[in-house]
Amino acid sequence: MTVLKLLIDSCVAHAVARALRAAGHDVATVMERGPDPGDASILALAATENRVIVTIDTDFGTLVFRDGARRVGVLRLRDGAPAHLAARAVELMAAHGEALKAGAFVTDDGDHARVSLPKV
């Protein structure tokens, strides 16, 4: 298993952070750090700390793909029940950890995940 440094967005259920910590990942949350500073600041913080962002927010895709913001790994989960999200996040980290660490954008489509690798 690839152990990742993660930054959990404020829109993600606490159960996800707990499950990812239990799976052995280094997890920080936006909420633990104070008021939500906004997506651009979260992206910059994740880049500075070399963390993968875990979110349900679609705005990170806009920042990265349309606006050309600094690229970090992003796992975008579908909105759903906290227990399901937690299990799905652990599953996707196990399956796509190396790609996320390399800066991939992984989008959960329910049964499958779409992986967009960074351009070199």
PDB file of N, CA and C in Angstrom:
ATOM      1  N   MET A   1       0.841  -1.189   0.000  1.00  0.00           N
ATOM      2  CA  MET A   1       0.000   0.000   0.000  1.00  0.00           C
ATOM      3  C   MET A   1       0.885   1.252   0.000  1.00  0.00           C
ATOM      4  N   THR A   2       0.494   2.209  -0.788  1.00  0.00           N
ATOM      5  CA  THR A   2       1.173   3.493  -0.816  1.00  0.00           C
ATOM      6  C   THR A   2       0.592   4.375   0.286  1.00  0.00           C
ATOM      7  N   VAL A   3       1.427   4.824   1.203  1.00  0.00           N
ATOM      8  CA  VAL A   3       0.989   5.738   2.251  1.00  0.00           C
ATOM      9  C   VAL A   3       1.086   7.149   1.691  1.00  0.00           C
ATOM     10  N   LEU A   4      -0.024   7.870   1.785  1.00  0.00           N
ATOM     11  CA  LEU A   4      -0.096   9.211   1.208  1.00  0.00           C
ATOM     12  C   LEU A   4      -0.299  10.272   2.266  1.00  0.00           C
ATOM     13  N   LYS A   5       0.175  11.459   1.941  1.00  0.00           N
ATOM     14  CA  LYS A   5      -0.127  12.644   2.730  1.00  0.00           C
ATOM     15  C   LYS A   5      -1.375  13.257   2.105  1.00  0.00           C
ATOM     16  N   LEU A   6      -2.434  13.404   2.891  1.00  0.00           N
ATOM     17  CA  LEU A   6      -3.728  13.842   2.374  1.00  0.00           C
ATOM     18  C   LEU A   6      -4.194  15.112   3.052  1.00  0.00           C
ATOM     19  N   LEU A   7      -4.959  15.905   2.310  1.00  0.00           N
ATOM     20  CA  LEU A   7      -5.640  17.081   2.846  1.00  0.00           C
ATOM     21  C   LEU A   7      -7.115  16.917   2.519  1.00  0.00           C
ATOM     22  N   ILE A   8      -7.931  16.767   3.545  1.00  0.00           N
ATOM     23  CA  ILE A   8      -9.356  16.531   3.380  1.00  0.00           C
ATOM     24  C   ILE A   8     -10.090  17.872   3.358  1.00  0.00           C
ATOM     25  N   ASP A   9     -10.812  18.126   2.288  1.00  0.00           N
ATOM     26  CA  ASP A   9     -11.578  19.358   2.125  1.00  0.00           C
ATOM     27  C   ASP A   9     -12.694  19.418   3.172  1.00  0.00           C
ATOM     28  N   SER A  10     -13.131  20.626   3.487  1.00  0.00           N
ATOM     29  CA  SER A  10     -14.155  20.817   4.516  1.00  0.00           C
ATOM     30  C   SER A  10     -15.512  20.242   4.122  1.00  0.00           C
ATOM     31  N   CYS A  11     -15.749  19.988   2.849  1.00  0.00           N
ATOM     32  CA  CYS A  11     -17.035  19.441   2.394  1.00  0.00           C
ATOM     33  C   CYS A  11     -17.116  17.924   2.550  1.00  0.00           C
ATOM     34  N   VAL A  12     -16.030  17.292   2.970  1.00  0.00           N
ATOM     35  CA  VAL A  12     -15.968  15.834   3.073  1.00  0.00           C
ATOM     36  C   VAL A  12     -16.277  15.408   4.505  1.00  0.00           C
ATOM     37  N   ALA A  13     -17.087  14.372   4.641  1.00  0.00           N
ATOM     38  CA  ALA A  13     -17.495  13.869   5.959  1.00  0.00           C
ATOM     39  C   ALA A  13     -16.291  13.452   6.799  1.00  0.00           C
ATOM     40  N   HIS A  14     -16.401  13.691   8.102  1.00  0.00           N
ATOM     41  CA  HIS A  14     -15.328  13.317   9.037  1.00  0.00           C
ATOM     42  C   HIS A  14     -15.021  11.823   8.981  1.00  0.00           C
ATOM     43  N   ALA A  15     -16.020  11.007   8.649  1.00  0.00           N
ATOM     44  CA  ALA A  15     -15.814   9.557   8.566  1.00  0.00           C
ATOM     45  C   ALA A  15     -14.740   9.208   7.545  1.00  0.00           C
ATOM     46  N   VAL A  16     -14.609  10.007   6.499  1.00  0.00           N
ATOM     47  CA  VAL A  16     -13.597   9.753   5.472  1.00  0.00           C
ATOM     48  C   VAL A  16     -12.200   9.953   6.058  1.00  0.00           C
ATOM     49  N   ALA A  17     -12.005  11.044   6.783  1.00  0.00           N
ATOM     50  CA  ALA A  17     -10.703  11.300   7.410  1.00  0.00           C
ATOM     51  C   ALA A  17     -10.354  10.182   8.395  1.00  0.00           C
ATOM     52  N   ARG A  18     -11.323   9.764   9.205  1.00  0.00           N
ATOM     53  CA  ARG A  18     -11.073   8.688  10.168  1.00  0.00           C
ATOM     54  C   ARG A  18     -10.684   7.388   9.467  1.00  0.00           C
ATOM     55  N   ALA A  19     -11.391   7.055   8.396  1.00  0.00           N
ATOM     56  CA  ALA A  19     -11.105   5.806   7.680  1.00  0.00           C
ATOM     57  C   ALA A  19      -9.736   5.849   7.018  1.00  0.00           C
ATOM     58  N   LEU A  20      -9.378   6.975   6.445  1.00  0.00           N
ATOM     59  CA  LEU A  20      -8.077   7.089   5.792  1.00  0.00           C
ATOM     60  C   LEU A  20      -6.946   7.073   6.815  1.00  0.00           C
ATOM     61  N   ARG A  21      -7.158   7.665   7.982  1.00  0.00           N
ATOM     62  CA  ARG A  21      -6.155   7.576   9.056  1.00  0.00           C
ATOM     63  C   ARG A  21      -6.003   6.125   9.495  1.00  0.00           C
ATOM     64  N   ALA A  22      -7.130   5.444   9.670  1.00  0.00           N
ATOM     65  CA  ALA A  22      -7.092   4.037  10.095  1.00  0.00           C
ATOM     66  C   ALA A  22      -6.378   3.165   9.063  1.00  0.00           C
ATOM     67  N   ALA A  23      -6.430   3.565   7.804  1.00  0.00           N
ATOM     68  CA  ALA A  23      -5.745   2.829   6.740  1.00  0.00           C
ATOM     69  C   ALA A  23      -4.255   3.155   6.679  1.00  0.00           C
ATOM     70  N   GLY A  24      -3.802   4.072   7.540  1.00  0.00           N
ATOM     71  CA  GLY A  24      -2.375   4.356   7.642  1.00  0.00           C
ATOM     72  C   GLY A  24      -1.885   5.604   6.935  1.00  0.00           C
ATOM     73  N   HIS A  25      -2.788   6.393   6.359  1.00  0.00           N
ATOM     74  CA  HIS A  25      -2.384   7.608   5.658  1.00  0.00           C
ATOM     75  C   HIS A  25      -2.153   8.768   6.627  1.00  0.00           C
ATOM     76  N   ASP A  26      -1.330   9.711   6.224  1.00  0.00           N
ATOM     77  CA  ASP A  26      -1.062  10.941   6.971  1.00  0.00           C
ATOM     78  C   ASP A  26      -2.151  11.935   6.563  1.00  0.00           C
ATOM     79  N   VAL A  27      -3.113  12.139   7.437  1.00  0.00           N
ATOM     80  CA  VAL A  27      -4.307  12.922   7.099  1.00  0.00           C
ATOM     81  C   VAL A  27      -4.355  14.229   7.872  1.00  0.00           C
ATOM     82  N   ALA A  28      -4.508  15.321   7.129  1.00  0.00           N
ATOM     83  CA  ALA A  28      -4.803  16.638   7.702  1.00  0.00           C
ATOM     84  C   ALA A  28      -6.139  17.064   7.110  1.00  0.00           C
ATOM     85  N   THR A  29      -6.898  17.845   7.863  1.00  0.00           N
ATOM     86  CA  THR A  29      -8.175  18.333   7.339  1.00  0.00           C
ATOM     87  C   THR A  29      -8.186  19.850   7.336  1.00  0.00           C
ATOM     88  N   VAL A  30      -8.899  20.396   6.392  1.00  0.00           N
ATOM     89  CA  VAL A  30      -9.050  21.851   6.315  1.00  0.00           C
ATOM     90  C   VAL A  30      -9.706  22.360   7.592  1.00  0.00           C
ATOM     91  N   MET A  31     -10.704  21.651   8.087  1.00  0.00           N
ATOM     92  CA  MET A  31     -11.442  22.086   9.279  1.00  0.00           C
ATOM     93  C   MET A  31     -10.554  22.131  10.526  1.00  0.00           C
ATOM     94  N   GLU A  32      -9.556  21.262  10.619  1.00  0.00           N
ATOM     95  CA  GLU A  32      -8.643  21.271  11.762  1.00  0.00           C
ATOM     96  C   GLU A  32      -7.765  22.515  11.765  1.00  0.00           C
ATOM     97  N   ARG A  33      -7.679  23.166  10.627  1.00  0.00           N
ATOM     98  CA  ARG A  33      -6.779  24.316  10.470  1.00  0.00           C
ATOM     99  C   ARG A  33      -7.490  25.656  10.556  1.00  0.00           C
ATOM    100  N   GLY A  34      -8.787  25.642  10.806  1.00  0.00           N
ATOM    101  CA  GLY A  34      -9.524  26.897  10.940  1.00  0.00           C
ATOM    102  C   GLY A  34     -10.563  27.051   9.850  1.00  0.00           C
ATOM    103  N   PRO A  35     -11.021  28.277   9.639  1.00  0.00           N
ATOM    104  CA  PRO A  35     -12.053  28.519   8.628  1.00  0.00           C
ATOM    105  C   PRO A  35     -11.571  28.118   7.230  1.00  0.00           C
ATOM    106  N   ASP A  36     -12.505  27.644   6.426  1.00  0.00           N
ATOM    107  CA  ASP A  36     -12.192  27.230   5.054  1.00  0.00           C
ATOM    108  C   ASP A  36     -11.659  28.426   4.283  1.00  0.00           C
ATOM    109  N   PRO A  37     -10.432  28.354   3.757  1.00  0.00           N
ATOM    110  CA  PRO A  37      -9.836  29.500   3.066  1.00  0.00           C
ATOM    111  C   PRO A  37     -10.224  29.616   1.591  1.00  0.00           C
ATOM    112  N   GLY A  38     -10.980  28.650   1.075  1.00  0.00           N
ATOM    113  CA  GLY A  38     -11.355  28.657  -0.337  1.00  0.00           C
ATOM    114  C   GLY A  38     -10.501  27.691  -1.132  1.00  0.00           C
ATOM    115  N   ASP A  39     -11.030  27.288  -2.268  1.00  0.00           N
ATOM    116  CA  ASP A  39     -10.403  26.230  -3.052  1.00  0.00           C
ATOM    117  C   ASP A  39      -9.000  26.573  -3.551  1.00  0.00           C
ATOM    118  N   ALA A  40      -8.801  27.788  -4.021  1.00  0.00           N
ATOM    119  CA  ALA A  40      -7.471  28.164  -4.536  1.00  0.00           C
ATOM    120  C   ALA A  40      -6.425  28.083  -3.424  1.00  0.00           C
ATOM    121  N   SER A  41      -6.779  28.521  -2.232  1.00  0.00           N
ATOM    122  CA  SER A  41      -5.851  28.459  -1.101  1.00  0.00           C
ATOM    123  C   SER A  41      -5.613  27.019  -0.652  1.00  0.00           C
ATOM    124  N   ILE A  42      -6.656  26.201  -0.704  1.00  0.00           N
ATOM    125  CA  ILE A  42      -6.503  24.789  -0.345  1.00  0.00           C
ATOM    126  C   ILE A  42      -5.559  24.107  -1.333  1.00  0.00           C
ATOM    127  N   LEU A  43      -5.718  24.399  -2.609  1.00  0.00           N
ATOM    128  CA  LEU A  43      -4.848  23.828  -3.632  1.00  0.00           C
ATOM    129  C   LEU A  43      -3.398  24.251  -3.407  1.00  0.00           C
ATOM    130  N   ALA A  44      -3.191  25.526  -3.094  1.00  0.00           N
ATOM    131  CA  ALA A  44      -1.835  26.024  -2.840  1.00  0.00           C
ATOM    132  C   ALA A  44      -1.236  25.364  -1.594  1.00  0.00           C
ATOM    133  N   LEU A  45      -2.040  25.221  -0.547  1.00  0.00           N
ATOM    134  CA  LEU A  45      -1.576  24.577   0.684  1.00  0.00           C
ATOM    135  C   LEU A  45      -1.187  23.125   0.417  1.00  0.00           C
ATOM    136  N   ALA A  46      -2.016  22.413  -0.320  1.00  0.00           N
ATOM    137  CA  ALA A  46      -1.722  21.014  -0.641  1.00  0.00           C
ATOM    138  C   ALA A  46      -0.425  20.916  -1.436  1.00  0.00           C
ATOM    139  N   ALA A  47      -0.213  21.826  -2.364  1.00  0.00           N
ATOM    140  CA  ALA A  47       1.017  21.817  -3.165  1.00  0.00           C
ATOM    141  C   ALA A  47       2.229  22.090  -2.281  1.00  0.00           C
ATOM    142  N   THR A  48       2.121  23.057  -1.382  1.00  0.00           N
ATOM    143  CA  THR A  48       3.222  23.406  -0.487  1.00  0.00           C
ATOM    144  C   THR A  48       3.585  22.235   0.431  1.00  0.00           C
ATOM    145  N   GLU A  49       2.572  21.524   0.929  1.00  0.00           N
ATOM    146  CA  GLU A  49       2.796  20.423   1.864  1.00  0.00           C
ATOM    147  C   GLU A  49       2.889  19.065   1.168  1.00  0.00           C
ATOM    148  N   ASN A  50       2.836  19.062  -0.163  1.00  0.00           N
ATOM    149  CA  ASN A  50       2.893  17.832  -0.941  1.00  0.00           C
ATOM    150  C   ASN A  50       1.815  16.845  -0.500  1.00  0.00           C
ATOM    151  N   ARG A  51       0.571  17.329  -0.430  1.00  0.00           N
ATOM    152  CA  ARG A  51      -0.569  16.505  -0.021  1.00  0.00           C
ATOM    153  C   ARG A  51      -1.531  16.318  -1.184  1.00  0.00           C
ATOM    154  N   VAL A  52      -2.202  15.196  -1.206  1.00  0.00           N
ATOM    155  CA  VAL A  52      -3.275  14.906  -2.147  1.00  0.00           C
ATOM    156  C   VAL A  52      -4.564  15.445  -1.537  1.00  0.00           C
ATOM    157  N   ILE A  53      -5.360  16.135  -2.332  1.00  0.00           N
ATOM    158  CA  ILE A  53      -6.638  16.671  -1.862  1.00  0.00           C
ATOM    159  C   ILE A  53      -7.723  15.609  -2.020  1.00  0.00           C
ATOM    160  N   VAL A  54      -8.560  15.472  -0.990  1.00  0.00           N
ATOM    161  CA  VAL A  54      -9.743  14.619  -1.061  1.00  0.00           C
ATOM    162  C   VAL A  54     -10.941  15.549  -0.922  1.00  0.00           C
ATOM    163  N   THR A  55     -11.843  15.502  -1.905  1.00  0.00           N
ATOM    164  CA  THR A  55     -12.949  16.457  -1.956  1.00  0.00           C
ATOM    165  C   THR A  55     -14.164  15.837  -2.625  1.00  0.00           C
ATOM    166  N   ILE A  56     -15.302  16.504  -2.520  1.00  0.00           N
ATOM    167  CA  ILE A  56     -16.461  16.198  -3.354  1.00  0.00           C
ATOM    168  C   ILE A  56     -16.759  17.396  -4.254  1.00  0.00           C
ATOM    169  N   ASP A  57     -15.975  18.421  -4.128  1.00  0.00           N
ATOM    170  CA  ASP A  57     -16.146  19.696  -4.828  1.00  0.00           C
ATOM    171  C   ASP A  57     -15.620  19.599  -6.259  1.00  0.00           C
ATOM    172  N   THR A  58     -16.395  20.078  -7.219  1.00  0.00           N
ATOM    173  CA  THR A  58     -15.967  20.053  -8.621  1.00  0.00           C
ATOM    174  C   THR A  58     -15.057  21.218  -8.981  1.00  0.00           C
ATOM    175  N   ASP A  59     -14.941  22.203  -8.116  1.00  0.00           N
ATOM    176  CA  ASP A  59     -14.164  23.404  -8.439  1.00  0.00           C
ATOM    177  C   ASP A  59     -12.673  23.139  -8.596  1.00  0.00           C
ATOM    178  N   PHE A  60     -12.148  22.098  -7.974  1.00  0.00           N
ATOM    179  CA  PHE A  60     -10.717  21.805  -8.127  1.00  0.00           C
ATOM    180  C   PHE A  60     -10.397  21.436  -9.565  1.00  0.00           C
ATOM    181  N   GLY A  61     -11.303  20.733 -10.222  1.00  0.00           N
ATOM    182  CA  GLY A  61     -11.110  20.416 -11.631  1.00  0.00           C
ATOM    183  C   GLY A  61     -11.030  21.669 -12.476  1.00  0.00           C
ATOM    184  N   THR A  62     -11.876  22.633 -12.178  1.00  0.00           N
ATOM    185  CA  THR A  62     -11.853  23.910 -12.897  1.00  0.00           C
ATOM    186  C   THR A  62     -10.533  24.626 -12.671  1.00  0.00           C
ATOM    187  N   LEU A  63     -10.082  24.670 -11.431  1.00  0.00           N
ATOM    188  CA  LEU A  63      -8.820  25.346 -11.116  1.00  0.00           C
ATOM    189  C   LEU A  63      -7.640  24.701 -11.831  1.00  0.00           C
ATOM    190  N   VAL A  64      -7.616  23.387 -11.849  1.00  0.00           N
ATOM    191  CA  VAL A  64      -6.477  22.673 -12.427  1.00  0.00           C
ATOM    192  C   VAL A  64      -6.542  22.640 -13.950  1.00  0.00           C
ATOM    193  N   PHE A  65      -7.677  22.225 -14.498  1.00  0.00           N
ATOM    194  CA  PHE A  65      -7.755  21.997 -15.941  1.00  0.00           C
ATOM    195  C   PHE A  65      -8.039  23.265 -16.746  1.00  0.00           C
ATOM    196  N   ARG A  66      -8.922  24.124 -16.272  1.00  0.00           N
ATOM    197  CA  ARG A  66      -9.241  25.323 -17.030  1.00  0.00           C
ATOM    198  C   ARG A  66      -8.285  26.469 -16.736  1.00  0.00           C
ATOM    199  N   ASP A  67      -7.999  26.665 -15.438  1.00  0.00           N
ATOM    200  CA  ASP A  67      -7.210  27.821 -15.022  1.00  0.00           C
ATOM    201  C   ASP A  67      -5.713  27.542 -14.941  1.00  0.00           C
ATOM    202  N   GLY A  68      -5.313  26.281 -15.063  1.00  0.00           N
ATOM    203  CA  GLY A  68      -3.892  25.943 -15.056  1.00  0.00           C
ATOM    204  C   GLY A  68      -3.217  26.093 -13.703  1.00  0.00           C
ATOM    205  N   ALA A  69      -3.971  25.936 -12.621  1.00  0.00           N
ATOM    206  CA  ALA A  69      -3.400  26.056 -11.277  1.00  0.00           C
ATOM    207  C   ALA A  69      -2.371  24.946 -11.051  1.00  0.00           C
ATOM    208  N   ARG A  70      -1.496  25.186 -10.100  1.00  0.00           N
ATOM    209  CA  ARG A  70      -0.468  24.198  -9.766  1.00  0.00           C
ATOM    210  C   ARG A  70      -1.128  22.854  -9.487  1.00  0.00           C
ATOM    211  N   ARG A  71      -0.584  21.835 -10.047  1.00  0.00           N
ATOM    212  CA  ARG A  71      -1.204  20.518 -10.006  1.00  0.00           C
ATOM    213  C   ARG A  71      -0.736  19.712  -8.805  1.00  0.00           C
ATOM    214  N   VAL A  72      -1.689  19.167  -8.071  1.00  0.00           N
ATOM    215  CA  VAL A  72      -1.437  18.166  -7.032  1.00  0.00           C
ATOM    216  C   VAL A  72      -2.423  17.033  -7.289  1.00  0.00           C
ATOM    217  N   GLY A  73      -2.203  15.903  -6.658  1.00  0.00           N
ATOM    218  CA  GLY A  73      -3.171  14.825  -6.775  1.00  0.00           C
ATOM    219  C   GLY A  73      -4.486  15.231  -6.140  1.00  0.00           C
ATOM    220  N   VAL A  74      -5.572  14.877  -6.790  1.00  0.00           N
ATOM    221  CA  VAL A  74      -6.910  15.172  -6.275  1.00  0.00           C
ATOM    222  C   VAL A  74      -7.768  13.922  -6.429  1.00  0.00           C
ATOM    223  N   LEU A  75      -8.403  13.520  -5.331  1.00  0.00           N
ATOM    224  CA  LEU A  75      -9.411  12.468  -5.364  1.00  0.00           C
ATOM    225  C   LEU A  75     -10.751  13.144  -5.178  1.00  0.00           C
ATOM    226  N   ARG A  76     -11.584  13.105  -6.221  1.00  0.00           N
ATOM    227  CA  ARG A  76     -12.920  13.692  -6.152  1.00  0.00           C
ATOM    228  C   ARG A  76     -13.933  12.564  -5.990  1.00  0.00           C
ATOM    229  N   LEU A  77     -14.529  12.533  -4.788  1.00  0.00           N
ATOM    230  CA  LEU A  77     -15.537  11.528  -4.473  1.00  0.00           C
ATOM    231  C   LEU A  77     -16.913  12.014  -4.906  1.00  0.00           C
ATOM    232  N   ARG A  78     -17.809  11.089  -5.140  1.00  0.00           N
ATOM    233  CA  ARG A  78     -19.216  11.434  -5.361  1.00  0.00           C
ATOM    234  C   ARG A  78     -19.830  11.709  -4.001  1.00  0.00           C
ATOM    235  N   ASP A  79     -20.792  12.596  -3.960  1.00  0.00           N
ATOM    236  CA  ASP A  79     -21.486  12.873  -2.707  1.00  0.00           C
ATOM    237  C   ASP A  79     -22.302  11.638  -2.331  1.00  0.00           C
ATOM    238  N   GLY A  80     -22.349  11.337  -1.045  1.00  0.00           N
ATOM    239  CA  GLY A  80     -23.097  10.163  -0.612  1.00  0.00           C
ATOM    240  C   GLY A  80     -23.054  10.010   0.895  1.00  0.00           C
ATOM    241  N   ALA A  81     -23.523   8.895   1.362  1.00  0.00           N
ATOM    242  CA  ALA A  81     -23.542   8.598   2.795  1.00  0.00           C
ATOM    243  C   ALA A  81     -22.106   8.520   3.315  1.00  0.00           C
ATOM    244  N   PRO A  82     -21.847   9.080   4.504  1.00  0.00           N
ATOM    245  CA  PRO A  82     -20.482   9.106   5.040  1.00  0.00           C
ATOM    246  C   PRO A  82     -19.803   7.735   5.091  1.00  0.00           C
ATOM    247  N   ALA A  83     -20.504   6.703   5.513  1.00  0.00           N
ATOM    248  CA  ALA A  83     -19.883   5.377   5.604  1.00  0.00           C
ATOM    249  C   ALA A  83     -19.481   4.871   4.224  1.00  0.00           C
ATOM    250  N   HIS A  84     -20.312   5.109   3.228  1.00  0.00           N
ATOM    251  CA  HIS A  84     -19.980   4.694   1.858  1.00  0.00           C
ATOM    252  C   HIS A  84     -18.784   5.486   1.341  1.00  0.00           C
ATOM    253  N   LEU A  85     -18.782   6.803   1.574  1.00  0.00           N
ATOM    254  CA  LEU A  85     -17.663   7.639   1.128  1.00  0.00           C
ATOM    255  C   LEU A  85     -16.358   7.197   1.764  1.00  0.00           C
ATOM    256  N   ALA A  86     -16.412   6.873   3.051  1.00  0.00           N
ATOM    257  CA  ALA A  86     -15.203   6.451   3.761  1.00  0.00           C
ATOM    258  C   ALA A  86     -14.640   5.171   3.151  1.00  0.00           C
ATOM    259  N   ALA A  87     -15.498   4.194   2.930  1.00  0.00           N
ATOM    260  CA  ALA A  87     -15.043   2.929   2.346  1.00  0.00           C
ATOM    261  C   ALA A  87     -14.532   3.138   0.923  1.00  0.00           C
ATOM    262  N   ARG A  88     -15.224   3.962   0.162  1.00  0.00           N
ATOM    263  CA  ARG A  88     -14.827   4.210  -1.227  1.00  0.00           C
ATOM    264  C   ARG A  88     -13.485   4.946  -1.286  1.00  0.00           C
ATOM    265  N   ALA A  89     -13.274   5.904  -0.383  1.00  0.00           N
ATOM    266  CA  ALA A  89     -12.011   6.643  -0.364  1.00  0.00           C
ATOM    267  C   ALA A  89     -10.841   5.708  -0.081  1.00  0.00           C
ATOM    268  N   VAL A  90     -10.997   4.820   0.876  1.00  0.00           N
ATOM    269  CA  VAL A  90      -9.936   3.855   1.194  1.00  0.00           C
ATOM    270  C   VAL A  90      -9.673   2.960  -0.015  1.00  0.00           C
ATOM    271  N   GLU A  91     -10.734   2.498  -0.656  1.00  0.00           N
ATOM    272  CA  GLU A  91     -10.605   1.639  -1.838  1.00  0.00           C
ATOM    273  C   GLU A  91      -9.879   2.354  -2.976  1.00  0.00           C
ATOM    274  N   LEU A  92     -10.254   3.596  -3.237  1.00  0.00           N
ATOM    275  CA  LEU A  92      -9.637   4.346  -4.331  1.00  0.00           C
ATOM    276  C   LEU A  92      -8.188   4.717  -4.033  1.00  0.00           C
ATOM    277  N   MET A  93      -7.882   4.996  -2.781  1.00  0.00           N
ATOM    278  CA  MET A  93      -6.491   5.270  -2.410  1.00  0.00           C
ATOM    279  C   MET A  93      -5.629   4.036  -2.646  1.00  0.00           C
ATOM    280  N   ALA A  94      -6.159   2.867  -2.298  1.00  0.00           N
ATOM    281  CA  ALA A  94      -5.411   1.628  -2.509  1.00  0.00           C
ATOM    282  C   ALA A  94      -5.200   1.368  -4.002  1.00  0.00           C
ATOM    283  N   ALA A  95      -6.203   1.636  -4.802  1.00  0.00           N
ATOM    284  CA  ALA A  95      -6.126   1.350  -6.233  1.00  0.00           C
ATOM    285  C   ALA A  95      -5.320   2.383  -7.009  1.00  0.00           C
ATOM    286  N   HIS A  96      -5.361   3.647  -6.573  1.00  0.00           N
ATOM    287  CA  HIS A  96      -4.781   4.730  -7.367  1.00  0.00           C
ATOM    288  C   HIS A  96      -3.775   5.592  -6.598  1.00  0.00           C
ATOM    289  N   GLY A  97      -3.264   5.083  -5.494  1.00  0.00           N
ATOM    290  CA  GLY A  97      -2.348   5.849  -4.659  1.00  0.00           C
ATOM    291  C   GLY A  97      -1.122   6.360  -5.384  1.00  0.00           C
ATOM    292  N   GLU A  98      -0.486   5.515  -6.164  1.00  0.00           N
ATOM    293  CA  GLU A  98       0.721   5.934  -6.888  1.00  0.00           C
ATOM    294  C   GLU A  98       0.403   7.037  -7.888  1.00  0.00           C
ATOM    295  N   ALA A  99      -0.717   6.900  -8.594  1.00  0.00           N
ATOM    296  CA  ALA A  99      -1.108   7.924  -9.567  1.00  0.00           C
ATOM    297  C   ALA A  99      -1.428   9.244  -8.855  1.00  0.00           C
ATOM    298  N   LEU A 100      -2.131   9.165  -7.733  1.00  0.00           N
ATOM    299  CA  LEU A 100      -2.443  10.379  -6.970  1.00  0.00           C
ATOM    300  C   LEU A 100      -1.164  11.048  -6.476  1.00  0.00           C
ATOM    301  N   LYS A 101      -0.243  10.251  -5.999  1.00  0.00           N
ATOM    302  CA  LYS A 101       1.036  10.782  -5.520  1.00  0.00           C
ATOM    303  C   LYS A 101       1.787  11.499  -6.645  1.00  0.00           C
ATOM    304  N   ALA A 102       1.593  11.018  -7.878  1.00  0.00           N
ATOM    305  CA  ALA A 102       2.246  11.614  -9.045  1.00  0.00           C
ATOM    306  C   ALA A 102       1.464  12.799  -9.611  1.00  0.00           C
ATOM    307  N   GLY A 103       0.349  13.170  -8.956  1.00  0.00           N
ATOM    308  CA  GLY A 103      -0.402  14.342  -9.390  1.00  0.00           C
ATOM    309  C   GLY A 103      -1.639  14.055 -10.209  1.00  0.00           C
ATOM    310  N   ALA A 104      -2.109  12.816 -10.224  1.00  0.00           N
ATOM    311  CA  ALA A 104      -3.303  12.476 -10.999  1.00  0.00           C
ATOM    312  C   ALA A 104      -4.556  13.086 -10.380  1.00  0.00           C
ATOM    313  N   PHE A 105      -5.532  13.281 -11.222  1.00  0.00           N
ATOM    314  CA  PHE A 105      -6.871  13.707 -10.812  1.00  0.00           C
ATOM    315  C   PHE A 105      -7.752  12.479 -10.974  1.00  0.00           C
ATOM    316  N   VAL A 106      -8.231  11.933  -9.855  1.00  0.00           N
ATOM    317  CA  VAL A 106      -9.043  10.720  -9.871  1.00  0.00           C
ATOM    318  C   VAL A 106     -10.470  11.097  -9.500  1.00  0.00           C
ATOM    319  N   THR A 107     -11.394  10.786 -10.403  1.00  0.00           N
ATOM    320  CA  THR A 107     -12.796  11.112 -10.185  1.00  0.00           C
ATOM    321  C   THR A 107     -13.582   9.821 -10.014  1.00  0.00           C
ATOM    322  N   ASP A 108     -14.279   9.707  -8.885  1.00  0.00           N
ATOM    323  CA  ASP A 108     -15.109   8.538  -8.610  1.00  0.00           C
ATOM    324  C   ASP A 108     -16.392   8.639  -9.425  1.00  0.00           C
ATOM    325  N   ASP A 109     -16.626   7.659 -10.278  1.00  0.00           N
ATOM    326  CA  ASP A 109     -17.846   7.617 -11.080  1.00  0.00           C
ATOM    327  C   ASP A 109     -18.834   6.587 -10.547  1.00  0.00           C
ATOM    328  N   GLY A 110     -18.669   6.181  -9.318  1.00  0.00           N
ATOM    329  CA  GLY A 110     -19.559   5.187  -8.730  1.00  0.00           C
ATOM    330  C   GLY A 110     -18.909   3.826  -8.742  1.00  0.00           C
ATOM    331  N   ASP A 111     -19.071   3.098  -9.842  1.00  0.00           N
ATOM    332  CA  ASP A 111     -18.473   1.772  -9.955  1.00  0.00           C
ATOM    333  C   ASP A 111     -17.038   1.809 -10.444  1.00  0.00           C
ATOM    334  N   HIS A 112     -16.677   2.881 -11.140  1.00  0.00           N
ATOM    335  CA  HIS A 112     -15.340   3.009 -11.713  1.00  0.00           C
ATOM    336  C   HIS A 112     -14.769   4.358 -11.305  1.00  0.00           C
ATOM    337  N   ALA A 113     -13.520   4.556 -11.644  1.00  0.00           N
ATOM    338  CA  ALA A 113     -12.879   5.856 -11.415  1.00  0.00           C
ATOM    339  C   ALA A 113     -12.208   6.290 -12.715  1.00  0.00           C
ATOM    340  N   ARG A 114     -12.296   7.571 -13.009  1.00  0.00           N
ATOM    341  CA  ARG A 114     -11.574   8.138 -14.149  1.00  0.00           C
ATOM    342  C   ARG A 114     -10.270   8.716 -13.615  1.00  0.00           C
ATOM    343  N   VAL A 115      -9.185   8.418 -14.272  1.00  0.00           N
ATOM    344  CA  VAL A 115      -7.870   8.886 -13.841  1.00  0.00           C
ATOM    345  C   VAL A 115      -7.277   9.739 -14.950  1.00  0.00           C
ATOM    346  N   SER A 116      -6.954  10.977 -14.594  1.00  0.00           N
ATOM    347  CA  SER A 116      -6.302  11.881 -15.520  1.00  0.00           C
ATOM    348  C   SER A 116      -4.899  12.143 -14.982  1.00  0.00           C
ATOM    349  N   LEU A 117      -3.912  11.683 -15.711  1.00  0.00           N
ATOM    350  CA  LEU A 117      -2.526  11.851 -15.275  1.00  0.00           C
ATOM    351  C   LEU A 117      -2.000  13.216 -15.682  1.00  0.00           C
ATOM    352  N   PRO A 118      -1.066  13.747 -14.908  1.00  0.00           N
ATOM    353  CA  PRO A 118      -0.516  15.070 -15.240  1.00  0.00           C
ATOM    354  C   PRO A 118       0.255  15.028 -16.554  1.00  0.00           C
ATOM    355  N   LYS A 119       0.209  16.135 -17.269  1.00  0.00           N
ATOM    356  CA  LYS A 119       0.988  16.246 -18.498  1.00  0.00           C
ATOM    357  C   LYS A 119       2.414  16.561 -18.135  1.00  0.00           C
ATOM    358  N   VAL A 120       3.320  15.893 -18.810  1.00  0.00           N
ATOM    359  CA  VAL A 120       4.739  16.071 -18.521  1.00  0.00           C
ATOM    360  C   VAL A 120       5.319  17.145 -19.396  1.00  0.00           C
TER     361      VAL A 120
END
